[in-house]
């Protein structure tokens, strides 16, 4: 996490911090397995009236959300029971997609896979407290799941407000 903040302060990730929200038609949340962080972010975005999807960079399409993610999401009013993972290889980029990565390495991997850098951002940039790197809670405690999901919840809500203020087409009418 400290490395991510260091890269942020040094200006090495600026390309992933200023997306064109006014041109964003869909928010696509990205993590590794699409069974915890990105699944929850998609749920929060949907609850906030945004066009959204989520994918994993290394998962099996069809995997359900992790049981701790389901339990933790419920505390935020988000139901992940029906969520099924989508692997990056089963995702089709379309113009207007903004891919929101949980970690800097995810953003770089997306760019290396052909996603235009201007279509990639780091979700933690919108989090309170500010966290460029939102660490995977998968093998960690329920307390960290709550901390992680609290960061994601705040980031998606702030992002939703920014989308509304810019007139982004990703906001459902």
N, C-alpha and C. Protein backbone atom coordinates (compact mmCIF):
# COMPACT_ATOMS: atom_id res chain seq x y z
N UNK A 1 0.82 -1.19 0.00
CA UNK A 1 0.00 0.00 0.00
C UNK A 1 0.86 1.25 0.00
N UNK A 2 1.95 1.21 0.76
CA UNK A 2 2.85 2.35 0.83
C UNK A 2 3.50 2.61 -0.53
N UNK A 3 3.84 1.55 -1.25
CA UNK A 3 4.43 1.70 -2.57
C UNK A 3 3.47 2.44 -3.51
N UNK A 4 2.19 2.10 -3.45
CA UNK A 4 1.20 2.77 -4.28
C UNK A 4 1.11 4.25 -3.97
N UNK A 5 1.11 4.60 -2.70
CA UNK A 5 1.06 6.01 -2.31
C UNK A 5 2.32 6.73 -2.75
N UNK A 6 3.47 6.05 -2.69
CA UNK A 6 4.74 6.64 -3.13
C UNK A 6 4.68 6.94 -4.63
N UNK A 7 4.18 5.98 -5.41
CA UNK A 7 4.05 6.21 -6.86
C UNK A 7 3.09 7.36 -7.14
N UNK A 8 2.03 7.46 -6.35
CA UNK A 8 1.07 8.56 -6.49
C UNK A 8 1.76 9.90 -6.22
N UNK A 9 2.45 10.00 -5.10
CA UNK A 9 3.11 11.25 -4.73
C UNK A 9 4.20 11.65 -5.71
N UNK A 10 4.85 10.66 -6.32
CA UNK A 10 5.91 10.94 -7.30
C UNK A 10 5.35 11.29 -8.68
N UNK A 11 4.04 11.17 -8.85
CA UNK A 11 3.42 11.52 -10.13
C UNK A 11 3.55 10.45 -11.20
N UNK A 12 3.94 9.23 -10.82
CA UNK A 12 4.17 8.18 -11.81
C UNK A 12 2.88 7.51 -12.28
N UNK A 13 1.77 7.80 -11.65
CA UNK A 13 0.51 7.16 -12.06
C UNK A 13 -0.55 8.20 -12.44
N UNK A 14 -0.12 9.41 -12.73
CA UNK A 14 -1.07 10.47 -13.08
C UNK A 14 -1.99 10.10 -14.23
N UNK A 15 -1.49 9.27 -15.15
CA UNK A 15 -2.31 8.87 -16.31
C UNK A 15 -3.57 8.12 -15.88
N UNK A 16 -3.57 7.55 -14.66
CA UNK A 16 -4.71 6.77 -14.19
C UNK A 16 -5.57 7.53 -13.18
N UNK A 17 -5.43 8.86 -13.13
CA UNK A 17 -6.13 9.63 -12.10
C UNK A 17 -7.11 10.66 -12.64
N UNK A 18 -7.14 10.89 -13.94
CA UNK A 18 -7.99 11.95 -14.48
C UNK A 18 -8.79 11.48 -15.69
N UNK A 19 -9.69 10.54 -15.47
CA UNK A 19 -10.48 10.04 -16.60
C UNK A 19 -11.50 11.09 -17.06
N UNK A 20 -11.94 10.93 -18.28
CA UNK A 20 -12.97 11.81 -18.84
C UNK A 20 -14.34 11.24 -18.48
N UNK A 21 -14.84 11.62 -17.30
CA UNK A 21 -16.12 11.09 -16.84
C UNK A 21 -17.28 11.52 -17.73
N UNK A 22 -17.16 12.69 -18.36
CA UNK A 22 -18.24 13.17 -19.22
C UNK A 22 -18.43 12.28 -20.44
N UNK A 23 -17.41 11.49 -20.78
CA UNK A 23 -17.51 10.57 -21.93
C UNK A 23 -17.70 9.12 -21.49
N UNK A 24 -17.79 8.88 -20.19
CA UNK A 24 -17.88 7.51 -19.67
C UNK A 24 -19.31 7.00 -19.74
N UNK A 25 -19.49 5.90 -20.47
CA UNK A 25 -20.82 5.31 -20.62
C UNK A 25 -21.05 4.15 -19.66
N UNK A 26 -19.95 3.51 -19.22
CA UNK A 26 -20.08 2.37 -18.31
C UNK A 26 -18.84 2.29 -17.44
N UNK A 27 -19.05 2.03 -16.15
CA UNK A 27 -17.95 1.80 -15.21
C UNK A 27 -17.72 0.30 -15.12
N UNK A 28 -16.48 -0.12 -15.33
CA UNK A 28 -16.12 -1.54 -15.25
C UNK A 28 -15.08 -1.69 -14.15
N UNK A 29 -15.47 -2.34 -13.05
CA UNK A 29 -14.58 -2.50 -11.90
C UNK A 29 -13.73 -3.75 -12.09
N UNK A 30 -12.44 -3.62 -11.75
CA UNK A 30 -11.47 -4.68 -12.04
C UNK A 30 -10.66 -5.03 -10.79
N UNK A 31 -10.58 -6.32 -10.52
CA UNK A 31 -9.64 -6.83 -9.51
C UNK A 31 -9.11 -8.16 -10.04
N UNK A 32 -8.61 -8.99 -9.18
CA UNK A 32 -8.00 -10.23 -9.64
C UNK A 32 -9.04 -11.33 -9.88
N UNK A 33 -9.86 -11.62 -8.89
CA UNK A 33 -10.77 -12.75 -8.99
C UNK A 33 -12.22 -12.43 -9.28
N UNK A 34 -12.61 -11.15 -9.17
CA UNK A 34 -13.99 -10.71 -9.40
C UNK A 34 -14.98 -11.43 -8.48
N UNK A 35 -14.51 -11.75 -7.27
CA UNK A 35 -15.40 -12.40 -6.29
C UNK A 35 -15.45 -11.63 -4.98
N UNK A 36 -14.70 -10.53 -4.88
CA UNK A 36 -14.70 -9.71 -3.67
C UNK A 36 -14.82 -8.23 -4.02
N UNK A 37 -13.67 -7.58 -4.28
CA UNK A 37 -13.63 -6.13 -4.45
C UNK A 37 -14.44 -5.62 -5.63
N UNK A 38 -14.16 -6.10 -6.82
CA UNK A 38 -14.86 -5.57 -8.00
C UNK A 38 -16.33 -5.96 -7.99
N UNK A 39 -16.64 -7.13 -7.44
CA UNK A 39 -18.04 -7.54 -7.33
C UNK A 39 -18.80 -6.57 -6.43
N UNK A 40 -18.20 -6.24 -5.29
CA UNK A 40 -18.84 -5.30 -4.36
C UNK A 40 -18.96 -3.91 -4.99
N UNK A 41 -17.90 -3.45 -5.65
CA UNK A 41 -17.93 -2.13 -6.30
C UNK A 41 -19.05 -2.07 -7.33
N UNK A 42 -19.21 -3.13 -8.10
CA UNK A 42 -20.30 -3.17 -9.08
C UNK A 42 -21.65 -3.06 -8.38
N UNK A 43 -21.81 -3.77 -7.27
CA UNK A 43 -23.06 -3.71 -6.51
C UNK A 43 -23.35 -2.31 -6.00
N UNK A 44 -22.34 -1.64 -5.48
CA UNK A 44 -22.51 -0.27 -4.98
C UNK A 44 -22.85 0.67 -6.13
N UNK A 45 -22.18 0.52 -7.25
CA UNK A 45 -22.44 1.38 -8.41
C UNK A 45 -23.87 1.17 -8.93
N UNK A 46 -24.29 -0.07 -8.99
CA UNK A 46 -25.66 -0.37 -9.43
C UNK A 46 -26.66 0.29 -8.49
N UNK A 47 -26.42 0.18 -7.18
CA UNK A 47 -27.30 0.78 -6.19
C UNK A 47 -27.33 2.31 -6.30
N UNK A 48 -26.27 2.89 -6.87
CA UNK A 48 -26.20 4.33 -7.07
C UNK A 48 -26.64 4.76 -8.46
N UNK A 49 -27.28 3.85 -9.20
CA UNK A 49 -27.86 4.20 -10.49
C UNK A 49 -26.88 4.38 -11.62
N UNK A 50 -25.77 3.65 -11.59
CA UNK A 50 -24.76 3.78 -12.63
C UNK A 50 -24.73 2.54 -13.52
N UNK A 51 -24.45 2.73 -14.80
CA UNK A 51 -24.24 1.61 -15.73
C UNK A 51 -22.89 1.00 -15.37
N UNK A 52 -22.87 -0.29 -15.11
CA UNK A 52 -21.67 -0.89 -14.54
C UNK A 52 -21.52 -2.36 -14.90
N UNK A 53 -20.30 -2.85 -14.72
CA UNK A 53 -19.95 -4.26 -14.88
C UNK A 53 -18.72 -4.49 -14.02
N UNK A 54 -18.30 -5.74 -13.89
CA UNK A 54 -17.05 -6.03 -13.18
C UNK A 54 -16.40 -7.25 -13.80
N UNK A 55 -15.06 -7.28 -13.70
CA UNK A 55 -14.29 -8.38 -14.27
C UNK A 55 -13.10 -8.70 -13.37
N UNK A 56 -12.54 -9.89 -13.58
CA UNK A 56 -11.33 -10.31 -12.88
C UNK A 56 -10.23 -10.59 -13.88
N UNK A 57 -9.01 -10.27 -13.51
CA UNK A 57 -7.87 -10.49 -14.40
C UNK A 57 -7.37 -11.93 -14.38
N UNK A 58 -7.75 -12.68 -13.36
CA UNK A 58 -7.32 -14.08 -13.25
C UNK A 58 -8.36 -14.86 -12.47
N UNK A 59 -9.42 -15.23 -13.16
CA UNK A 59 -10.52 -15.92 -12.50
C UNK A 59 -11.15 -16.91 -13.46
N UNK A 60 -12.16 -17.58 -13.01
CA UNK A 60 -12.95 -18.46 -13.87
C UNK A 60 -14.35 -17.87 -13.97
N UNK A 61 -14.77 -17.58 -15.18
CA UNK A 61 -16.11 -17.04 -15.38
C UNK A 61 -17.13 -17.98 -14.76
N UNK A 62 -18.05 -17.39 -14.01
CA UNK A 62 -19.11 -18.16 -13.38
C UNK A 62 -18.91 -18.41 -11.90
N UNK A 63 -17.70 -18.15 -11.37
CA UNK A 63 -17.47 -18.33 -9.94
C UNK A 63 -18.38 -17.40 -9.14
N UNK A 64 -18.95 -17.89 -8.03
CA UNK A 64 -19.78 -17.02 -7.18
C UNK A 64 -18.91 -16.10 -6.33
N UNK A 65 -19.53 -15.09 -5.77
CA UNK A 65 -18.83 -14.23 -4.82
C UNK A 65 -18.40 -15.06 -3.61
N UNK A 66 -17.29 -14.69 -3.01
CA UNK A 66 -16.76 -15.36 -1.82
C UNK A 66 -17.72 -15.14 -0.65
N UNK A 67 -17.88 -16.14 0.21
CA UNK A 67 -18.86 -16.06 1.29
C UNK A 67 -18.62 -14.87 2.22
N UNK A 68 -17.36 -14.52 2.49
CA UNK A 68 -17.11 -13.35 3.34
C UNK A 68 -17.47 -12.05 2.63
N UNK A 69 -17.33 -12.03 1.32
CA UNK A 69 -17.74 -10.85 0.55
C UNK A 69 -19.26 -10.71 0.61
N UNK A 70 -19.97 -11.81 0.47
CA UNK A 70 -21.44 -11.78 0.54
C UNK A 70 -21.88 -11.26 1.90
N UNK A 71 -21.29 -11.80 2.97
CA UNK A 71 -21.66 -11.39 4.33
C UNK A 71 -21.32 -9.92 4.59
N UNK A 72 -20.13 -9.49 4.17
CA UNK A 72 -19.71 -8.11 4.41
C UNK A 72 -20.54 -7.14 3.58
N UNK A 73 -20.80 -7.47 2.34
CA UNK A 73 -21.60 -6.60 1.47
C UNK A 73 -23.00 -6.38 2.05
N UNK A 74 -23.53 -7.41 2.66
CA UNK A 74 -24.87 -7.31 3.26
C UNK A 74 -24.93 -6.18 4.29
N UNK A 75 -23.84 -5.96 5.03
CA UNK A 75 -23.79 -4.88 6.03
C UNK A 75 -23.87 -3.50 5.38
N UNK A 76 -23.56 -3.42 4.10
CA UNK A 76 -23.64 -2.16 3.35
C UNK A 76 -24.92 -2.08 2.52
N UNK A 77 -25.80 -3.07 2.68
CA UNK A 77 -27.05 -3.09 1.92
C UNK A 77 -26.91 -3.58 0.50
N UNK A 78 -25.84 -4.31 0.21
CA UNK A 78 -25.58 -4.82 -1.14
C UNK A 78 -25.69 -6.33 -1.13
N UNK A 79 -26.46 -6.88 -2.06
CA UNK A 79 -26.66 -8.32 -2.16
C UNK A 79 -25.78 -8.89 -3.28
N UNK A 80 -24.84 -9.74 -2.91
CA UNK A 80 -23.94 -10.36 -3.89
C UNK A 80 -24.28 -11.83 -4.15
N UNK A 81 -25.41 -12.30 -3.66
CA UNK A 81 -25.77 -13.71 -3.83
C UNK A 81 -25.79 -14.14 -5.29
N UNK A 82 -26.30 -13.30 -6.16
CA UNK A 82 -26.44 -13.67 -7.58
C UNK A 82 -25.19 -13.36 -8.40
N UNK A 83 -24.20 -12.71 -7.81
CA UNK A 83 -23.01 -12.34 -8.58
C UNK A 83 -22.27 -13.57 -9.10
N UNK A 84 -21.82 -13.48 -10.33
CA UNK A 84 -20.95 -14.50 -10.93
C UNK A 84 -19.78 -13.78 -11.60
N UNK A 85 -18.60 -14.30 -11.38
CA UNK A 85 -17.38 -13.69 -11.89
C UNK A 85 -17.33 -13.72 -13.42
N UNK A 86 -16.65 -12.73 -13.97
CA UNK A 86 -16.36 -12.68 -15.40
C UNK A 86 -14.86 -12.49 -15.56
N UNK A 87 -14.22 -13.37 -16.29
CA UNK A 87 -12.79 -13.25 -16.55
C UNK A 87 -12.55 -12.21 -17.64
N UNK A 88 -11.39 -11.56 -17.57
CA UNK A 88 -11.01 -10.55 -18.55
C UNK A 88 -11.13 -11.09 -19.98
N UNK A 89 -10.80 -12.35 -20.18
CA UNK A 89 -10.84 -12.93 -21.54
C UNK A 89 -12.27 -13.03 -22.07
N UNK A 90 -13.26 -12.95 -21.18
CA UNK A 90 -14.67 -12.99 -21.60
C UNK A 90 -15.30 -11.60 -21.64
N UNK A 91 -14.50 -10.59 -21.41
CA UNK A 91 -14.94 -9.19 -21.43
C UNK A 91 -14.60 -8.58 -22.77
N UNK A 92 -15.51 -7.79 -23.30
CA UNK A 92 -15.26 -7.10 -24.56
C UNK A 92 -15.28 -5.59 -24.30
N UNK A 93 -14.11 -4.97 -24.45
CA UNK A 93 -14.01 -3.53 -24.27
C UNK A 93 -14.84 -2.83 -25.33
N UNK A 94 -15.51 -1.77 -24.90
CA UNK A 94 -16.22 -0.93 -25.87
C UNK A 94 -15.94 0.53 -25.54
N UNK A 95 -15.87 1.37 -26.57
CA UNK A 95 -15.62 2.79 -26.33
C UNK A 95 -16.63 3.34 -25.32
N UNK A 96 -16.15 4.14 -24.40
CA UNK A 96 -17.00 4.67 -23.34
C UNK A 96 -16.87 3.91 -22.04
N UNK A 97 -16.19 2.75 -22.06
CA UNK A 97 -15.92 2.01 -20.83
C UNK A 97 -14.80 2.71 -20.06
N UNK A 98 -14.97 2.83 -18.75
CA UNK A 98 -13.91 3.27 -17.86
C UNK A 98 -13.62 2.11 -16.92
N UNK A 99 -12.43 1.55 -17.03
CA UNK A 99 -12.04 0.42 -16.19
C UNK A 99 -11.37 0.95 -14.93
N UNK A 100 -11.94 0.60 -13.79
CA UNK A 100 -11.48 1.09 -12.49
C UNK A 100 -10.77 -0.03 -11.75
N UNK A 101 -9.45 0.07 -11.68
CA UNK A 101 -8.62 -0.96 -11.08
C UNK A 101 -8.46 -0.73 -9.59
N UNK A 102 -8.29 -1.82 -8.85
CA UNK A 102 -8.07 -1.75 -7.41
C UNK A 102 -6.59 -1.55 -7.06
N UNK A 103 -5.71 -1.93 -7.97
CA UNK A 103 -4.27 -1.86 -7.71
C UNK A 103 -3.56 -1.31 -8.94
N UNK A 104 -2.41 -0.68 -8.71
CA UNK A 104 -1.63 -0.12 -9.81
C UNK A 104 -1.23 -1.21 -10.80
N UNK A 105 -0.85 -2.37 -10.28
CA UNK A 105 -0.43 -3.45 -11.19
C UNK A 105 -1.59 -3.89 -12.08
N UNK A 106 -2.81 -3.80 -11.59
CA UNK A 106 -3.97 -4.12 -12.43
C UNK A 106 -4.11 -3.11 -13.56
N UNK A 107 -3.91 -1.83 -13.25
CA UNK A 107 -4.00 -0.79 -14.27
C UNK A 107 -2.94 -1.00 -15.35
N UNK A 108 -1.72 -1.31 -14.94
CA UNK A 108 -0.65 -1.56 -15.92
C UNK A 108 -0.95 -2.81 -16.75
N UNK A 109 -1.50 -3.82 -16.12
CA UNK A 109 -1.83 -5.05 -16.86
C UNK A 109 -2.92 -4.78 -17.89
N UNK A 110 -3.93 -4.00 -17.52
CA UNK A 110 -4.98 -3.66 -18.47
C UNK A 110 -4.39 -2.93 -19.68
N UNK A 111 -3.51 -1.98 -19.42
CA UNK A 111 -2.87 -1.23 -20.51
C UNK A 111 -2.06 -2.17 -21.40
N UNK A 112 -1.37 -3.13 -20.79
CA UNK A 112 -0.57 -4.07 -21.58
C UNK A 112 -1.43 -5.04 -22.38
N UNK A 113 -2.70 -5.17 -21.99
CA UNK A 113 -3.63 -6.05 -22.71
C UNK A 113 -4.41 -5.30 -23.80
N UNK A 114 -4.05 -4.04 -24.04
CA UNK A 114 -4.65 -3.30 -25.14
C UNK A 114 -5.75 -2.33 -24.76
N UNK A 115 -6.05 -2.20 -23.48
CA UNK A 115 -7.04 -1.20 -23.06
C UNK A 115 -6.38 0.17 -23.14
N UNK A 116 -7.01 1.15 -23.78
CA UNK A 116 -6.39 2.48 -23.87
C UNK A 116 -6.14 3.06 -22.47
N UNK A 117 -4.94 3.57 -22.20
CA UNK A 117 -4.63 4.10 -20.87
C UNK A 117 -5.63 5.15 -20.39
N UNK A 118 -6.19 5.94 -21.30
CA UNK A 118 -7.16 6.96 -20.90
C UNK A 118 -8.49 6.35 -20.46
N UNK A 119 -8.67 5.05 -20.68
CA UNK A 119 -9.88 4.35 -20.26
C UNK A 119 -9.66 3.56 -18.97
N UNK A 120 -8.55 3.84 -18.28
CA UNK A 120 -8.20 3.13 -17.05
C UNK A 120 -8.01 4.16 -15.94
N UNK A 121 -8.56 3.85 -14.77
CA UNK A 121 -8.36 4.71 -13.59
C UNK A 121 -8.22 3.82 -12.36
N UNK A 122 -7.74 4.41 -11.29
CA UNK A 122 -7.59 3.71 -10.01
C UNK A 122 -8.72 4.11 -9.08
N UNK A 123 -9.57 3.16 -8.72
CA UNK A 123 -10.75 3.45 -7.90
C UNK A 123 -10.39 4.12 -6.58
N UNK A 124 -9.30 3.70 -5.96
CA UNK A 124 -8.91 4.24 -4.66
C UNK A 124 -8.66 5.74 -4.66
N UNK A 125 -8.48 6.33 -5.82
CA UNK A 125 -8.30 7.78 -5.93
C UNK A 125 -9.51 8.52 -5.37
N UNK A 126 -10.69 7.91 -5.42
CA UNK A 126 -11.92 8.53 -4.92
C UNK A 126 -12.23 8.14 -3.48
N UNK A 127 -11.45 7.24 -2.89
CA UNK A 127 -11.76 6.71 -1.55
C UNK A 127 -11.46 7.72 -0.45
N UNK A 128 -12.20 7.58 0.65
CA UNK A 128 -11.93 8.32 1.87
C UNK A 128 -11.80 7.31 2.99
N UNK A 129 -10.62 7.21 3.62
CA UNK A 129 -9.41 7.96 3.30
C UNK A 129 -8.81 7.52 1.96
N UNK A 130 -8.04 8.42 1.38
CA UNK A 130 -7.42 8.19 0.08
C UNK A 130 -6.55 6.94 0.10
N UNK A 131 -6.79 6.01 -0.82
CA UNK A 131 -6.00 4.78 -0.94
C UNK A 131 -5.84 4.45 -2.42
N UNK A 132 -4.67 4.66 -2.96
CA UNK A 132 -4.42 4.32 -4.36
C UNK A 132 -4.48 2.81 -4.55
N UNK A 133 -3.98 2.07 -3.57
CA UNK A 133 -3.96 0.60 -3.62
C UNK A 133 -5.01 0.08 -2.65
N UNK A 134 -6.02 -0.62 -3.18
CA UNK A 134 -7.02 -1.26 -2.33
C UNK A 134 -6.69 -2.74 -2.30
N UNK A 135 -6.09 -3.17 -1.20
CA UNK A 135 -5.54 -4.52 -1.05
C UNK A 135 -6.64 -5.58 -1.07
N UNK A 136 -6.33 -6.72 -1.66
CA UNK A 136 -7.26 -7.85 -1.74
C UNK A 136 -7.53 -8.41 -0.34
N UNK A 137 -8.80 -8.48 0.07
CA UNK A 137 -9.11 -9.00 1.40
C UNK A 137 -9.25 -10.51 1.45
N UNK A 138 -9.11 -11.20 0.33
CA UNK A 138 -9.53 -12.60 0.20
C UNK A 138 -9.03 -13.52 1.31
N UNK A 139 -7.80 -13.46 1.70
CA UNK A 139 -7.30 -14.38 2.73
C UNK A 139 -7.16 -13.70 4.09
N UNK A 140 -7.76 -12.54 4.23
CA UNK A 140 -7.60 -11.77 5.45
C UNK A 140 -8.85 -11.85 6.34
N UNK A 141 -8.83 -11.14 7.43
CA UNK A 141 -9.88 -11.22 8.45
C UNK A 141 -11.17 -10.53 8.01
N UNK A 142 -12.23 -10.83 8.74
CA UNK A 142 -13.50 -10.16 8.49
C UNK A 142 -13.38 -8.67 8.79
N UNK A 143 -12.52 -8.30 9.75
CA UNK A 143 -12.30 -6.88 10.04
C UNK A 143 -11.69 -6.17 8.83
N UNK A 144 -10.73 -6.83 8.15
CA UNK A 144 -10.16 -6.19 6.97
C UNK A 144 -11.18 -6.16 5.82
N UNK A 145 -12.00 -7.18 5.70
CA UNK A 145 -13.07 -7.13 4.69
C UNK A 145 -13.91 -5.88 4.90
N UNK A 146 -14.30 -5.59 6.14
CA UNK A 146 -15.10 -4.40 6.42
C UNK A 146 -14.34 -3.13 6.06
N UNK A 147 -13.05 -3.08 6.41
CA UNK A 147 -12.23 -1.91 6.07
C UNK A 147 -12.14 -1.74 4.55
N UNK A 148 -11.84 -2.81 3.86
CA UNK A 148 -11.72 -2.79 2.40
C UNK A 148 -13.03 -2.35 1.75
N UNK A 149 -14.12 -2.95 2.17
CA UNK A 149 -15.42 -2.63 1.57
C UNK A 149 -15.85 -1.21 1.93
N UNK A 150 -15.45 -0.72 3.09
CA UNK A 150 -15.74 0.66 3.44
C UNK A 150 -15.02 1.63 2.50
N UNK A 151 -13.76 1.32 2.18
CA UNK A 151 -13.01 2.14 1.22
C UNK A 151 -13.68 2.12 -0.15
N UNK A 152 -14.04 0.93 -0.61
CA UNK A 152 -14.68 0.80 -1.92
C UNK A 152 -16.02 1.53 -1.93
N UNK A 153 -16.79 1.37 -0.87
CA UNK A 153 -18.09 2.03 -0.76
C UNK A 153 -17.94 3.54 -0.87
N UNK A 154 -16.99 4.10 -0.13
CA UNK A 154 -16.78 5.55 -0.18
C UNK A 154 -16.30 5.99 -1.56
N UNK A 155 -15.41 5.21 -2.16
CA UNK A 155 -14.88 5.56 -3.49
C UNK A 155 -15.97 5.55 -4.55
N UNK A 156 -16.79 4.52 -4.56
CA UNK A 156 -17.84 4.43 -5.58
C UNK A 156 -18.88 5.53 -5.39
N UNK A 157 -19.23 5.83 -4.15
CA UNK A 157 -20.19 6.92 -3.91
C UNK A 157 -19.63 8.27 -4.36
N UNK A 158 -18.36 8.52 -4.09
CA UNK A 158 -17.73 9.77 -4.53
C UNK A 158 -17.65 9.81 -6.05
N UNK A 159 -17.28 8.71 -6.65
CA UNK A 159 -17.23 8.61 -8.11
C UNK A 159 -18.61 8.85 -8.71
N UNK A 160 -19.64 8.30 -8.09
CA UNK A 160 -21.01 8.51 -8.57
C UNK A 160 -21.38 10.00 -8.54
N UNK A 161 -20.97 10.69 -7.48
CA UNK A 161 -21.24 12.14 -7.41
C UNK A 161 -20.50 12.87 -8.52
N UNK A 162 -19.25 12.49 -8.77
CA UNK A 162 -18.48 13.12 -9.85
C UNK A 162 -19.13 12.84 -11.21
N UNK A 163 -19.60 11.62 -11.41
CA UNK A 163 -20.27 11.28 -12.68
C UNK A 163 -21.52 12.13 -12.86
N UNK A 164 -22.29 12.30 -11.80
CA UNK A 164 -23.49 13.13 -11.89
C UNK A 164 -23.13 14.59 -12.18
N UNK A 165 -22.10 15.10 -11.53
CA UNK A 165 -21.76 16.52 -11.70
C UNK A 165 -21.20 16.82 -13.09
N UNK A 166 -20.64 15.81 -13.76
CA UNK A 166 -20.12 16.02 -15.12
C UNK A 166 -21.13 15.67 -16.20
N UNK A 167 -22.30 15.18 -15.79
CA UNK A 167 -23.30 14.78 -16.78
C UNK A 167 -22.92 13.51 -17.51
N UNK A 168 -22.18 12.63 -16.84
CA UNK A 168 -21.73 11.39 -17.46
C UNK A 168 -22.90 10.53 -17.95
N UNK A 169 -22.78 9.99 -19.16
CA UNK A 169 -23.84 9.10 -19.66
C UNK A 169 -23.92 7.77 -18.91
N UNK A 170 -22.99 7.49 -17.99
CA UNK A 170 -23.09 6.24 -17.22
C UNK A 170 -24.14 6.34 -16.13
N UNK A 171 -24.64 7.55 -15.88
CA UNK A 171 -25.69 7.74 -14.88
C UNK A 171 -27.03 7.39 -15.52
N UNK A 172 -27.72 6.44 -14.90
CA UNK A 172 -29.02 6.02 -15.43
C UNK A 172 -30.00 7.19 -15.36
N UNK A 173 -30.78 7.32 -16.41
CA UNK A 173 -31.73 8.44 -16.44
C UNK A 173 -33.07 8.06 -15.88
